[in-house]
Amino acid sequence: MTEELFKRMAQSVIDGEAEEAAALARQALELGVDPLEAINKGFTAGMDVVGELYSCGEYFLPDLILGGEAMKAALAVLEPALKASGQAREVLGRVVLGTVKGDIHEIGKSLVGSMLSANGFEVYDLGIDVAAETFVAQAQERKADIVALSALLTTTMLYQRDVIEHLAEAGLRDRVKVMVGGSPVTQAWADQIGADGFAEDAAGAVAVAKRLMGR
């Protein structure tokens, strides 16, 4: 019965059904299913499928967003139960995320944050128009493993380099990995400014983050 429930959980994420995902999460708690198992064997398994379908071109951006929303809905139900039981979801890494100074584009950055969170990362989203000093301060305060920098304009992507230089000046560059992304950003640009990773989309960002954390 539990295996069947896990399958339905995974399917709710694959189908992007947030209400169904939340209902199944509540049902699992009522049945005494371990919340960590529900997350890992049910909803995360579904999120993995969504990522695969997106990577191979069967799913598109709206499908990815809906899958992430369903995952978040399930986690909103299960994580309080997880904390109450003294358990914790395995955290793959801490990510400080934001759109760089001068840039107010939100959607791509927020999607990356949702996908990273759904895949086991602890994400601190600093929002848009974020100064280099703020990235540095938050990286220190949050003990970040990764700083993820989004830029959607050719003019603002230059600021990604400034953030990396500020991290170096603060002595953080050895222990903090930097990921960059955004429509004008390329692998060549990432290499030029000394970033550790580059992704074209949210699914790619998850794969890069996992690689940077040795997963």
N, C-alpha and C. Protein backbone atom coordinates (compact mmCIF):
# COMPACT_ATOMS: atom_id res chain seq x y z
N MET A 1 0.83 -1.21 0.00
CA MET A 1 0.00 0.00 0.00
C MET A 1 0.87 1.26 0.00
N THR A 2 1.93 1.20 0.81
CA THR A 2 2.81 2.37 0.88
C THR A 2 3.50 2.61 -0.45
N GLU A 3 3.91 1.53 -1.12
CA GLU A 3 4.57 1.67 -2.42
C GLU A 3 3.63 2.33 -3.43
N GLU A 4 2.36 1.96 -3.37
CA GLU A 4 1.36 2.54 -4.26
C GLU A 4 1.21 4.05 -3.97
N LEU A 5 1.25 4.39 -2.68
CA LEU A 5 1.16 5.80 -2.27
C LEU A 5 2.36 6.58 -2.80
N PHE A 6 3.54 5.98 -2.70
CA PHE A 6 4.75 6.65 -3.20
C PHE A 6 4.64 6.91 -4.70
N LYS A 7 4.08 5.94 -5.42
CA LYS A 7 3.90 6.10 -6.88
C LYS A 7 2.95 7.26 -7.18
N ARG A 8 1.87 7.34 -6.40
CA ARG A 8 0.90 8.43 -6.61
C ARG A 8 1.52 9.79 -6.27
N MET A 9 2.37 9.81 -5.25
CA MET A 9 3.09 11.05 -4.89
C MET A 9 3.98 11.50 -6.05
N ALA A 10 4.75 10.56 -6.57
CA ALA A 10 5.64 10.87 -7.69
C ALA A 10 4.83 11.39 -8.88
N GLN A 11 3.70 10.72 -9.15
CA GLN A 11 2.88 11.10 -10.30
C GLN A 11 2.28 12.49 -10.13
N SER A 12 1.95 12.86 -8.88
CA SER A 12 1.37 14.19 -8.64
C SER A 12 2.37 15.29 -9.00
N VAL A 13 3.65 15.01 -8.77
CA VAL A 13 4.69 15.98 -9.14
C VAL A 13 4.91 15.98 -10.65
N ILE A 14 4.95 14.79 -11.24
CA ILE A 14 5.11 14.67 -12.69
C ILE A 14 3.98 15.40 -13.43
N ASP A 15 2.76 15.29 -12.87
CA ASP A 15 1.59 15.94 -13.48
C ASP A 15 1.47 17.41 -13.09
N GLY A 16 2.28 17.85 -12.13
CA GLY A 16 2.22 19.25 -11.68
C GLY A 16 0.95 19.59 -10.93
N GLU A 17 0.44 18.62 -10.16
CA GLU A 17 -0.82 18.82 -9.41
C GLU A 17 -0.51 19.15 -7.95
N ALA A 18 -0.40 20.44 -7.66
CA ALA A 18 0.00 20.88 -6.31
C ALA A 18 -1.01 20.46 -5.24
N GLU A 19 -2.30 20.61 -5.52
CA GLU A 19 -3.33 20.25 -4.52
C GLU A 19 -3.30 18.75 -4.23
N GLU A 20 -3.14 17.96 -5.29
CA GLU A 20 -3.06 16.50 -5.13
C GLU A 20 -1.82 16.12 -4.32
N ALA A 21 -0.71 16.78 -4.59
CA ALA A 21 0.54 16.50 -3.86
C ALA A 21 0.37 16.78 -2.37
N ALA A 22 -0.23 17.92 -2.05
CA ALA A 22 -0.45 18.29 -0.65
C ALA A 22 -1.40 17.30 0.03
N ALA A 23 -2.45 16.89 -0.69
CA ALA A 23 -3.42 15.93 -0.14
C ALA A 23 -2.75 14.58 0.14
N LEU A 24 -1.91 14.13 -0.78
CA LEU A 24 -1.19 12.86 -0.59
C LEU A 24 -0.20 12.95 0.56
N ALA A 25 0.41 14.12 0.73
CA ALA A 25 1.34 14.32 1.86
C ALA A 25 0.58 14.22 3.18
N ARG A 26 -0.61 14.83 3.24
CA ARG A 26 -1.43 14.75 4.46
C ARG A 26 -1.89 13.32 4.72
N GLN A 27 -2.25 12.62 3.64
CA GLN A 27 -2.67 11.22 3.76
C GLN A 27 -1.54 10.36 4.32
N ALA A 28 -0.33 10.62 3.85
CA ALA A 28 0.84 9.86 4.32
C ALA A 28 1.02 10.05 5.82
N LEU A 29 0.87 11.28 6.29
CA LEU A 29 1.03 11.55 7.73
C LEU A 29 -0.06 10.86 8.54
N GLU A 30 -1.29 10.87 8.01
CA GLU A 30 -2.41 10.20 8.70
C GLU A 30 -2.18 8.69 8.80
N LEU A 31 -1.52 8.13 7.79
CA LEU A 31 -1.25 6.68 7.77
C LEU A 31 0.01 6.32 8.55
N GLY A 32 0.69 7.34 9.08
CA GLY A 32 1.90 7.07 9.86
C GLY A 32 3.13 6.80 9.01
N VAL A 33 3.09 7.19 7.73
CA VAL A 33 4.27 7.02 6.86
C VAL A 33 5.35 8.01 7.30
N ASP A 34 6.57 7.53 7.35
CA ASP A 34 7.69 8.38 7.74
C ASP A 34 7.80 9.56 6.74
N PRO A 35 7.75 10.81 7.24
CA PRO A 35 7.77 11.95 6.31
C PRO A 35 9.00 12.02 5.43
N LEU A 36 10.14 11.57 5.96
CA LEU A 36 11.37 11.58 5.16
C LEU A 36 11.28 10.59 4.00
N GLU A 37 10.68 9.42 4.28
CA GLU A 37 10.48 8.44 3.21
C GLU A 37 9.51 8.97 2.16
N ALA A 38 8.47 9.65 2.64
CA ALA A 38 7.49 10.22 1.69
C ALA A 38 8.17 11.20 0.75
N ILE A 39 9.07 12.02 1.30
CA ILE A 39 9.79 13.00 0.48
C ILE A 39 10.71 12.29 -0.51
N ASN A 40 11.54 11.40 0.02
CA ASN A 40 12.59 10.80 -0.82
C ASN A 40 12.06 9.77 -1.82
N LYS A 41 11.17 8.88 -1.35
CA LYS A 41 10.68 7.79 -2.22
C LYS A 41 9.48 8.21 -3.07
N GLY A 42 8.78 9.26 -2.63
CA GLY A 42 7.61 9.69 -3.37
C GLY A 42 7.86 10.94 -4.21
N PHE A 43 7.90 12.08 -3.53
CA PHE A 43 7.91 13.35 -4.26
C PHE A 43 9.24 13.64 -4.97
N THR A 44 10.36 13.35 -4.32
CA THR A 44 11.66 13.60 -4.98
C THR A 44 11.83 12.71 -6.20
N ALA A 45 11.33 11.48 -6.10
CA ALA A 45 11.38 10.56 -7.25
C ALA A 45 10.63 11.17 -8.43
N GLY A 46 9.50 11.81 -8.15
CA GLY A 46 8.74 12.47 -9.21
C GLY A 46 9.48 13.66 -9.79
N MET A 47 10.14 14.40 -8.92
CA MET A 47 10.90 15.58 -9.37
C MET A 47 12.06 15.16 -10.28
N ASP A 48 12.65 14.01 -9.98
CA ASP A 48 13.74 13.48 -10.83
C ASP A 48 13.22 13.21 -12.24
N VAL A 49 12.02 12.64 -12.32
CA VAL A 49 11.41 12.35 -13.63
C VAL A 49 11.13 13.65 -14.39
N VAL A 50 10.60 14.65 -13.67
CA VAL A 50 10.32 15.95 -14.31
C VAL A 50 11.61 16.52 -14.91
N GLY A 51 12.70 16.47 -14.15
CA GLY A 51 13.98 16.97 -14.63
C GLY A 51 14.46 16.23 -15.87
N GLU A 52 14.28 14.91 -15.87
CA GLU A 52 14.68 14.10 -17.02
C GLU A 52 13.85 14.43 -18.26
N LEU A 53 12.53 14.56 -18.06
CA LEU A 53 11.64 14.87 -19.19
C LEU A 53 11.94 16.25 -19.77
N TYR A 54 12.30 17.18 -18.89
CA TYR A 54 12.65 18.53 -19.36
C TYR A 54 13.97 18.50 -20.13
N SER A 55 14.93 17.76 -19.60
CA SER A 55 16.26 17.69 -20.24
C SER A 55 16.18 17.09 -21.63
N CYS A 56 15.28 16.10 -21.81
CA CYS A 56 15.21 15.44 -23.13
C CYS A 56 14.19 16.11 -24.06
N GLY A 57 13.60 17.23 -23.62
CA GLY A 57 12.74 18.00 -24.51
C GLY A 57 11.28 17.60 -24.53
N GLU A 58 10.89 16.62 -23.69
CA GLU A 58 9.48 16.21 -23.63
C GLU A 58 8.65 17.18 -22.80
N TYR A 59 9.29 17.79 -21.79
CA TYR A 59 8.63 18.78 -20.95
C TYR A 59 9.18 20.16 -21.27
N PHE A 60 8.36 21.16 -21.03
CA PHE A 60 8.77 22.54 -21.29
C PHE A 60 8.74 23.34 -19.99
N LEU A 61 9.10 24.60 -20.08
CA LEU A 61 9.23 25.45 -18.89
C LEU A 61 7.98 25.43 -18.00
N PRO A 62 6.76 25.56 -18.55
CA PRO A 62 5.58 25.52 -17.67
C PRO A 62 5.46 24.21 -16.89
N ASP A 63 5.82 23.08 -17.55
CA ASP A 63 5.77 21.77 -16.88
C ASP A 63 6.75 21.74 -15.71
N LEU A 64 7.92 22.32 -15.93
CA LEU A 64 8.96 22.37 -14.89
C LEU A 64 8.48 23.20 -13.71
N ILE A 65 7.86 24.33 -14.00
CA ILE A 65 7.36 25.21 -12.94
C ILE A 65 6.27 24.50 -12.14
N LEU A 66 5.34 23.85 -12.84
CA LEU A 66 4.24 23.15 -12.16
C LEU A 66 4.76 22.01 -11.29
N GLY A 67 5.75 21.28 -11.78
CA GLY A 67 6.35 20.20 -10.99
C GLY A 67 7.00 20.74 -9.72
N GLY A 68 7.71 21.86 -9.85
CA GLY A 68 8.34 22.49 -8.70
C GLY A 68 7.33 22.97 -7.69
N GLU A 69 6.19 23.51 -8.18
CA GLU A 69 5.13 23.99 -7.27
C GLU A 69 4.49 22.82 -6.53
N ALA A 70 4.28 21.70 -7.21
CA ALA A 70 3.71 20.52 -6.56
C ALA A 70 4.66 20.00 -5.48
N MET A 71 5.94 19.99 -5.78
CA MET A 71 6.95 19.55 -4.81
C MET A 71 6.93 20.46 -3.58
N LYS A 72 6.86 21.78 -3.81
CA LYS A 72 6.83 22.74 -2.71
C LYS A 72 5.58 22.55 -1.85
N ALA A 73 4.45 22.27 -2.49
CA ALA A 73 3.20 22.06 -1.75
C ALA A 73 3.30 20.85 -0.82
N ALA A 74 3.93 19.79 -1.33
CA ALA A 74 4.12 18.59 -0.50
C ALA A 74 5.08 18.87 0.66
N LEU A 75 6.16 19.58 0.37
CA LEU A 75 7.14 19.88 1.41
C LEU A 75 6.55 20.77 2.51
N ALA A 76 5.64 21.67 2.12
CA ALA A 76 5.00 22.55 3.10
C ALA A 76 4.22 21.74 4.13
N VAL A 77 3.70 20.59 3.71
CA VAL A 77 2.97 19.71 4.63
C VAL A 77 3.93 18.84 5.44
N LEU A 78 4.94 18.30 4.77
CA LEU A 78 5.80 17.29 5.38
C LEU A 78 6.94 17.84 6.24
N GLU A 79 7.47 19.00 5.89
CA GLU A 79 8.65 19.47 6.63
C GLU A 79 8.35 19.81 8.10
N PRO A 80 7.18 20.40 8.43
CA PRO A 80 6.90 20.60 9.86
C PRO A 80 6.86 19.28 10.64
N ALA A 81 6.30 18.23 10.01
CA ALA A 81 6.25 16.91 10.65
C ALA A 81 7.64 16.33 10.81
N LEU A 82 8.47 16.64 9.83
CA LEU A 82 9.85 16.17 9.85
C LEU A 82 10.60 16.78 11.03
N LYS A 83 10.43 18.10 11.20
CA LYS A 83 11.09 18.79 12.31
C LYS A 83 10.55 18.31 13.65
N ALA A 84 9.25 18.09 13.73
CA ALA A 84 8.62 17.64 14.97
C ALA A 84 9.15 16.27 15.40
N SER A 85 9.50 15.46 14.40
CA SER A 85 10.01 14.11 14.71
C SER A 85 11.52 14.11 14.97
N GLY A 86 12.11 15.31 14.87
CA GLY A 86 13.56 15.42 15.13
C GLY A 86 14.40 14.99 13.95
N GLN A 87 13.75 14.75 12.82
CA GLN A 87 14.49 14.37 11.61
C GLN A 87 14.76 15.61 10.77
N ALA A 88 15.59 15.44 9.79
CA ALA A 88 15.84 16.53 8.85
C ALA A 88 16.09 15.93 7.48
N ARG A 89 15.60 16.61 6.47
CA ARG A 89 15.89 16.20 5.10
C ARG A 89 17.37 16.42 4.84
N GLU A 90 17.99 15.49 4.16
CA GLU A 90 19.41 15.68 3.83
C GLU A 90 19.58 16.94 3.00
N VAL A 91 20.45 17.81 3.46
CA VAL A 91 20.73 19.05 2.72
C VAL A 91 21.97 18.82 1.87
N LEU A 92 21.81 18.95 0.55
CA LEU A 92 22.94 18.72 -0.35
C LEU A 92 23.93 19.88 -0.32
N GLY A 93 23.44 21.07 0.04
CA GLY A 93 24.32 22.24 0.10
C GLY A 93 23.49 23.49 0.34
N ARG A 94 24.16 24.55 0.79
CA ARG A 94 23.47 25.83 1.00
C ARG A 94 23.78 26.77 -0.16
N VAL A 95 22.73 27.33 -0.73
CA VAL A 95 22.89 28.19 -1.91
C VAL A 95 22.35 29.59 -1.61
N VAL A 96 23.19 30.59 -1.83
CA VAL A 96 22.74 31.98 -1.80
C VAL A 96 22.53 32.40 -3.25
N LEU A 97 21.32 32.85 -3.55
CA LEU A 97 20.89 33.06 -4.94
C LEU A 97 20.35 34.48 -5.11
N GLY A 98 20.63 35.08 -6.25
CA GLY A 98 20.05 36.39 -6.52
C GLY A 98 20.32 36.86 -7.93
N THR A 99 19.52 37.84 -8.37
CA THR A 99 19.78 38.53 -9.64
C THR A 99 20.66 39.74 -9.33
N VAL A 100 21.71 39.92 -10.11
CA VAL A 100 22.74 40.90 -9.77
C VAL A 100 22.26 42.35 -9.87
N LYS A 101 23.05 43.24 -9.31
CA LYS A 101 22.74 44.66 -9.24
C LYS A 101 22.43 45.24 -10.62
N GLY A 102 21.37 46.06 -10.66
CA GLY A 102 20.97 46.70 -11.92
C GLY A 102 20.02 45.88 -12.75
N ASP A 103 19.73 44.65 -12.30
CA ASP A 103 18.90 43.74 -13.07
C ASP A 103 17.68 43.35 -12.23
N ILE A 104 16.49 43.53 -12.78
CA ILE A 104 15.28 43.26 -11.99
C ILE A 104 14.49 42.06 -12.53
N HIS A 105 15.17 41.18 -13.26
CA HIS A 105 14.49 40.00 -13.79
C HIS A 105 14.40 38.93 -12.70
N GLU A 106 13.20 38.42 -12.55
CA GLU A 106 12.90 37.55 -11.40
C GLU A 106 12.60 36.11 -11.75
N ILE A 107 11.90 35.87 -12.89
CA ILE A 107 11.30 34.56 -13.13
C ILE A 107 12.34 33.43 -13.21
N GLY A 108 13.37 33.61 -14.03
CA GLY A 108 14.38 32.55 -14.19
C GLY A 108 15.08 32.24 -12.88
N LYS A 109 15.44 33.28 -12.16
CA LYS A 109 16.13 33.12 -10.88
C LYS A 109 15.25 32.37 -9.88
N SER A 110 13.97 32.75 -9.82
CA SER A 110 13.05 32.11 -8.87
C SER A 110 12.83 30.64 -9.21
N LEU A 111 12.78 30.34 -10.51
CA LEU A 111 12.61 28.95 -10.93
C LEU A 111 13.82 28.11 -10.53
N VAL A 112 15.01 28.67 -10.71
CA VAL A 112 16.22 27.96 -10.28
C VAL A 112 16.16 27.70 -8.77
N GLY A 113 15.73 28.70 -8.01
CA GLY A 113 15.61 28.54 -6.56
C GLY A 113 14.64 27.43 -6.19
N SER A 114 13.49 27.41 -6.86
CA SER A 114 12.48 26.37 -6.59
C SER A 114 13.01 24.98 -6.91
N MET A 115 13.68 24.86 -8.04
CA MET A 115 14.21 23.56 -8.46
C MET A 115 15.32 23.08 -7.52
N LEU A 116 16.19 24.00 -7.10
CA LEU A 116 17.25 23.61 -6.16
C LEU A 116 16.66 23.18 -4.84
N SER A 117 15.68 23.93 -4.36
CA SER A 117 15.02 23.60 -3.10
C SER A 117 14.32 22.24 -3.19
N ALA A 118 13.64 22.00 -4.30
CA ALA A 118 12.93 20.73 -4.49
C ALA A 118 13.89 19.56 -4.56
N ASN A 119 15.12 19.82 -4.95
CA ASN A 119 16.10 18.75 -5.10
C ASN A 119 17.06 18.63 -3.91
N GLY A 120 16.68 19.24 -2.78
CA GLY A 120 17.44 18.99 -1.55
C GLY A 120 18.44 20.05 -1.14
N PHE A 121 18.44 21.20 -1.83
CA PHE A 121 19.34 22.28 -1.43
C PHE A 121 18.61 23.26 -0.51
N GLU A 122 19.35 23.85 0.40
CA GLU A 122 18.81 24.92 1.25
C GLU A 122 19.09 26.22 0.51
N VAL A 123 18.04 26.93 0.13
CA VAL A 123 18.20 28.09 -0.75
C VAL A 123 17.82 29.38 -0.02
N TYR A 124 18.69 30.37 -0.12
CA TYR A 124 18.42 31.70 0.41
C TYR A 124 18.34 32.65 -0.79
N ASP A 125 17.11 33.02 -1.14
CA ASP A 125 16.88 33.85 -2.32
C ASP A 125 16.92 35.32 -1.90
N LEU A 126 17.93 36.04 -2.40
CA LEU A 126 18.11 37.45 -2.03
C LEU A 126 17.30 38.39 -2.90
N GLY A 127 16.62 37.85 -3.91
CA GLY A 127 15.77 38.69 -4.76
C GLY A 127 16.52 39.25 -5.96
N ILE A 128 16.12 40.47 -6.35
CA ILE A 128 16.66 41.09 -7.55
C ILE A 128 17.51 42.31 -7.19
N ASP A 129 18.31 42.79 -8.16
CA ASP A 129 19.08 44.03 -7.98
C ASP A 129 19.97 43.94 -6.73
N VAL A 130 20.69 42.82 -6.61
CA VAL A 130 21.47 42.54 -5.39
C VAL A 130 22.93 43.00 -5.56
N ALA A 131 23.41 43.80 -4.63
CA ALA A 131 24.78 44.32 -4.67
C ALA A 131 25.79 43.22 -4.30
N ALA A 132 27.00 43.38 -4.80
CA ALA A 132 28.07 42.41 -4.52
C ALA A 132 28.29 42.26 -3.02
N GLU A 133 28.25 43.39 -2.31
CA GLU A 133 28.48 43.37 -0.86
C GLU A 133 27.43 42.51 -0.14
N THR A 134 26.20 42.54 -0.66
CA THR A 134 25.12 41.74 -0.05
C THR A 134 25.36 40.25 -0.29
N PHE A 135 25.77 39.91 -1.51
CA PHE A 135 26.11 38.50 -1.78
C PHE A 135 27.20 38.02 -0.82
N VAL A 136 28.23 38.83 -0.64
CA VAL A 136 29.35 38.45 0.24
C VAL A 136 28.87 38.29 1.68
N ALA A 137 28.12 39.28 2.17
CA ALA A 137 27.64 39.23 3.56
C ALA A 137 26.75 38.01 3.80
N GLN A 138 25.87 37.73 2.85
CA GLN A 138 24.96 36.59 3.01
C GLN A 138 25.69 35.26 2.87
N ALA A 139 26.68 35.22 2.00
CA ALA A 139 27.48 34.00 1.86
C ALA A 139 28.19 33.68 3.17
N GLN A 140 28.68 34.73 3.83
CA GLN A 140 29.34 34.53 5.12
C GLN A 140 28.34 34.12 6.20
N GLU A 141 27.23 34.86 6.27
CA GLU A 141 26.23 34.61 7.32
C GLU A 141 25.59 33.25 7.19
N ARG A 142 25.28 32.86 5.97
CA ARG A 142 24.57 31.58 5.73
C ARG A 142 25.52 30.40 5.61
N LYS A 143 26.83 30.68 5.67
CA LYS A 143 27.83 29.61 5.46
C LYS A 143 27.55 28.89 4.13
N ALA A 144 27.41 29.70 3.09
CA ALA A 144 27.02 29.17 1.78
C ALA A 144 28.09 28.28 1.18
N ASP A 145 27.63 27.25 0.49
CA ASP A 145 28.52 26.40 -0.30
C ASP A 145 28.59 26.93 -1.73
N ILE A 146 27.46 27.50 -2.18
CA ILE A 146 27.36 27.99 -3.56
C ILE A 146 26.72 29.38 -3.56
N VAL A 147 27.26 30.27 -4.38
CA VAL A 147 26.60 31.55 -4.66
C VAL A 147 26.17 31.49 -6.13
N ALA A 148 24.87 31.67 -6.37
CA ALA A 148 24.33 31.57 -7.73
C ALA A 148 23.89 32.96 -8.21
N LEU A 149 24.46 33.38 -9.34
CA LEU A 149 24.27 34.74 -9.84
C LEU A 149 23.52 34.73 -11.17
N SER A 150 22.36 35.39 -11.18
CA SER A 150 21.56 35.48 -12.40
C SER A 150 21.69 36.87 -13.01
N ALA A 151 21.75 36.93 -14.34
CA ALA A 151 21.76 38.21 -15.06
C ALA A 151 21.09 37.99 -16.41
N LEU A 152 20.15 38.86 -16.75
CA LEU A 152 19.39 38.70 -17.99
C LEU A 152 19.75 39.72 -19.05
N LEU A 153 20.69 40.60 -18.75
CA LEU A 153 21.08 41.64 -19.71
C LEU A 153 22.59 41.58 -19.95
N THR A 154 23.00 41.93 -21.16
CA THR A 154 24.44 41.94 -21.46
C THR A 154 25.16 42.98 -20.62
N THR A 155 24.46 44.04 -20.23
CA THR A 155 25.07 45.09 -19.39
C THR A 155 25.24 44.61 -17.95
N THR A 156 24.25 43.89 -17.43
CA THR A 156 24.33 43.49 -16.02
C THR A 156 25.15 42.22 -15.81
N MET A 157 25.34 41.42 -16.85
CA MET A 157 26.11 40.20 -16.64
C MET A 157 27.57 40.53 -16.28
N LEU A 158 28.02 41.72 -16.66
CA LEU A 158 29.38 42.15 -16.28
C LEU A 158 29.53 42.20 -14.76
N TYR A 159 28.40 42.43 -14.07
CA TYR A 159 28.43 42.54 -12.62
C TYR A 159 28.69 41.19 -11.95
N GLN A 160 28.45 40.09 -12.68
CA GLN A 160 28.77 38.77 -12.12
C GLN A 160 30.26 38.68 -11.79
N ARG A 161 31.08 39.27 -12.65
CA ARG A 161 32.52 39.29 -12.40
C ARG A 161 32.85 40.09 -11.14
N ASP A 162 32.15 41.20 -10.92
CA ASP A 162 32.38 42.01 -9.73
C ASP A 162 32.09 41.22 -8.46
N VAL A 163 31.01 40.45 -8.48
CA VAL A 163 30.66 39.65 -7.29
C VAL A 163 31.77 38.63 -7.00
N ILE A 164 32.26 37.97 -8.04
CA ILE A 164 33.34 37.00 -7.85
C ILE A 164 34.58 37.68 -7.26
N GLU A 165 34.89 38.89 -7.75
CA GLU A 165 36.05 39.62 -7.23
C GLU A 165 35.83 40.00 -5.76
N HIS A 166 34.62 40.39 -5.41
CA HIS A 166 34.31 40.73 -4.01
C HIS A 166 34.43 39.50 -3.11
N LEU A 167 33.99 38.35 -3.60
CA LEU A 167 34.12 37.11 -2.82
C LEU A 167 35.58 36.77 -2.58
N ALA A 168 36.40 37.00 -3.62
CA ALA A 168 37.84 36.74 -3.49
C ALA A 168 38.47 37.68 -2.47
N GLU A 169 38.10 38.95 -2.55
CA GLU A 169 38.65 39.95 -1.61
C GLU A 169 38.27 39.64 -0.17
N ALA A 170 37.10 39.03 0.02
CA ALA A 170 36.63 38.68 1.36
C ALA A 170 37.23 37.36 1.86
N GLY A 171 38.04 36.73 1.00
CA GLY A 171 38.67 35.47 1.39
C GLY A 171 37.74 34.27 1.34
N LEU A 172 36.65 34.40 0.58
CA LEU A 172 35.66 33.31 0.52
C LEU A 172 35.79 32.41 -0.69
N ARG A 173 36.62 32.82 -1.63
CA ARG A 173 36.62 32.14 -2.94
C ARG A 173 37.05 30.68 -2.86
N ASP A 174 37.87 30.36 -1.86
CA ASP A 174 38.33 28.97 -1.75
C ASP A 174 37.23 28.02 -1.31
N ARG A 175 36.30 28.53 -0.52
CA ARG A 175 35.29 27.60 0.02
C ARG A 175 33.89 27.79 -0.58
N VAL A 176 33.69 28.84 -1.36
CA VAL A 176 32.38 29.08 -1.96
C VAL A 176 32.47 28.91 -3.49
N LYS A 177 31.65 28.02 -4.02
CA LYS A 177 31.57 27.84 -5.47
C LYS A 177 30.62 28.89 -6.06
N VAL A 178 30.88 29.32 -7.28
CA VAL A 178 30.03 30.32 -7.93
C VAL A 178 29.42 29.74 -9.20
N MET A 179 28.08 29.83 -9.28
CA MET A 179 27.35 29.44 -10.48
C MET A 179 26.79 30.69 -11.14
N VAL A 180 26.83 30.74 -12.46
CA VAL A 180 26.26 31.89 -13.18
C VAL A 180 25.27 31.39 -14.24
N GLY A 181 24.28 32.25 -14.53
CA GLY A 181 23.29 31.90 -15.54
C GLY A 181 22.52 33.14 -15.98
N GLY A 182 21.65 32.94 -16.97
CA GLY A 182 20.90 34.06 -17.56
C GLY A 182 21.05 34.02 -19.06
N SER A 183 20.08 34.58 -19.78
CA SER A 183 20.05 34.41 -21.24
C SER A 183 21.31 34.86 -21.98
N PRO A 184 22.02 35.95 -21.58
CA PRO A 184 23.21 36.32 -22.35
C PRO A 184 24.48 35.57 -21.89
N VAL A 185 24.36 34.82 -20.80
CA VAL A 185 25.54 34.18 -20.19
C VAL A 185 25.88 32.90 -20.94
N THR A 186 27.17 32.68 -21.14
CA THR A 186 27.65 31.48 -21.85
C THR A 186 28.73 30.79 -21.02
N GLN A 187 29.07 29.58 -21.44
CA GLN A 187 30.15 28.86 -20.78
C GLN A 187 31.46 29.63 -20.93
N ALA A 188 31.65 30.25 -22.08
CA ALA A 188 32.88 31.03 -22.32
C ALA A 188 32.99 32.20 -21.34
N TRP A 189 31.86 32.86 -21.10
CA TRP A 189 31.85 33.98 -20.14
C TRP A 189 32.13 33.46 -18.73
N ALA A 190 31.52 32.35 -18.38
CA ALA A 190 31.75 31.75 -17.06
C ALA A 190 33.23 31.43 -16.87
N ASP A 191 33.85 30.87 -17.91
CA ASP A 191 35.28 30.56 -17.84
C ASP A 191 36.11 31.83 -17.71
N GLN A 192 35.72 32.85 -18.47
CA GLN A 192 36.47 34.11 -18.48
C GLN A 192 36.51 34.78 -17.11
N ILE A 193 35.37 34.72 -16.38
CA ILE A 193 35.31 35.41 -15.08
C ILE A 193 35.66 34.50 -13.90
N GLY A 194 35.98 33.24 -14.22
CA GLY A 194 36.41 32.34 -13.15
C GLY A 194 35.29 31.72 -12.35
N ALA A 195 34.08 31.63 -12.95
CA ALA A 195 32.97 30.96 -12.26
C ALA A 195 33.21 29.44 -12.27
N ASP A 196 32.62 28.76 -11.29
CA ASP A 196 32.82 27.30 -11.19
C ASP A 196 31.81 26.52 -12.00
N GLY A 197 30.67 27.14 -12.32
CA GLY A 197 29.65 26.42 -13.05
C GLY A 197 28.75 27.36 -13.83
N PHE A 198 28.18 26.84 -14.92
CA PHE A 198 27.25 27.60 -15.75
C PHE A 198 26.12 26.66 -16.16
N ALA A 199 24.89 27.18 -16.14
CA ALA A 199 23.75 26.38 -16.59
C ALA A 199 22.84 27.24 -17.46
N GLU A 200 22.26 26.61 -18.48
CA GLU A 200 21.37 27.32 -19.39
C GLU A 200 19.95 27.41 -18.85
N ASP A 201 19.58 26.49 -17.97
CA ASP A 201 18.21 26.48 -17.46
C ASP A 201 18.18 25.91 -16.05
N ALA A 202 16.97 25.87 -15.48
CA ALA A 202 16.82 25.46 -14.08
C ALA A 202 17.20 23.99 -13.86
N ALA A 203 16.82 23.12 -14.78
CA ALA A 203 17.18 21.71 -14.64
C ALA A 203 18.69 21.54 -14.70
N GLY A 204 19.32 22.30 -15.61
CA GLY A 204 20.78 22.27 -15.71
C GLY A 204 21.44 22.80 -14.45
N ALA A 205 20.82 23.81 -13.84
CA ALA A 205 21.38 24.40 -12.62
C ALA A 205 21.44 23.37 -11.49
N VAL A 206 20.41 22.52 -11.40
CA VAL A 206 20.40 21.47 -10.38
C VAL A 206 21.55 20.51 -10.61
N ALA A 207 21.74 20.11 -11.87
CA ALA A 207 22.82 19.17 -12.19
C ALA A 207 24.18 19.78 -11.88
N VAL A 208 24.35 21.06 -12.22
CA VAL A 208 25.63 21.74 -11.95
C VAL A 208 25.86 21.85 -10.44
N ALA A 209 24.83 22.24 -9.70
CA ALA A 209 24.95 22.38 -8.24
C ALA A 209 25.33 21.05 -7.59
N LYS A 210 24.70 19.98 -8.05
CA LYS A 210 25.03 18.66 -7.52
C LYS A 210 26.49 18.29 -7.83
N ARG A 211 26.91 18.61 -9.04
CA ARG A 211 28.32 18.32 -9.41
C ARG A 211 29.29 19.11 -8.54
N LEU A 212 28.96 20.40 -8.32
CA LEU A 212 29.84 21.23 -7.50
C LEU A 212 29.93 20.74 -6.05
N MET A 213 28.86 20.06 -5.61
CA MET A 213 28.86 19.51 -4.25
C MET A 213 29.36 18.07 -4.22
N GLY A 214 29.85 17.61 -5.38
CA GLY A 214 30.41 16.25 -5.44
C GLY A 214 29.37 15.16 -5.40
N ARG A 215 28.15 15.47 -5.89
CA ARG A 215 27.06 14.48 -5.87
C ARG A 215 26.87 13.87 -7.26
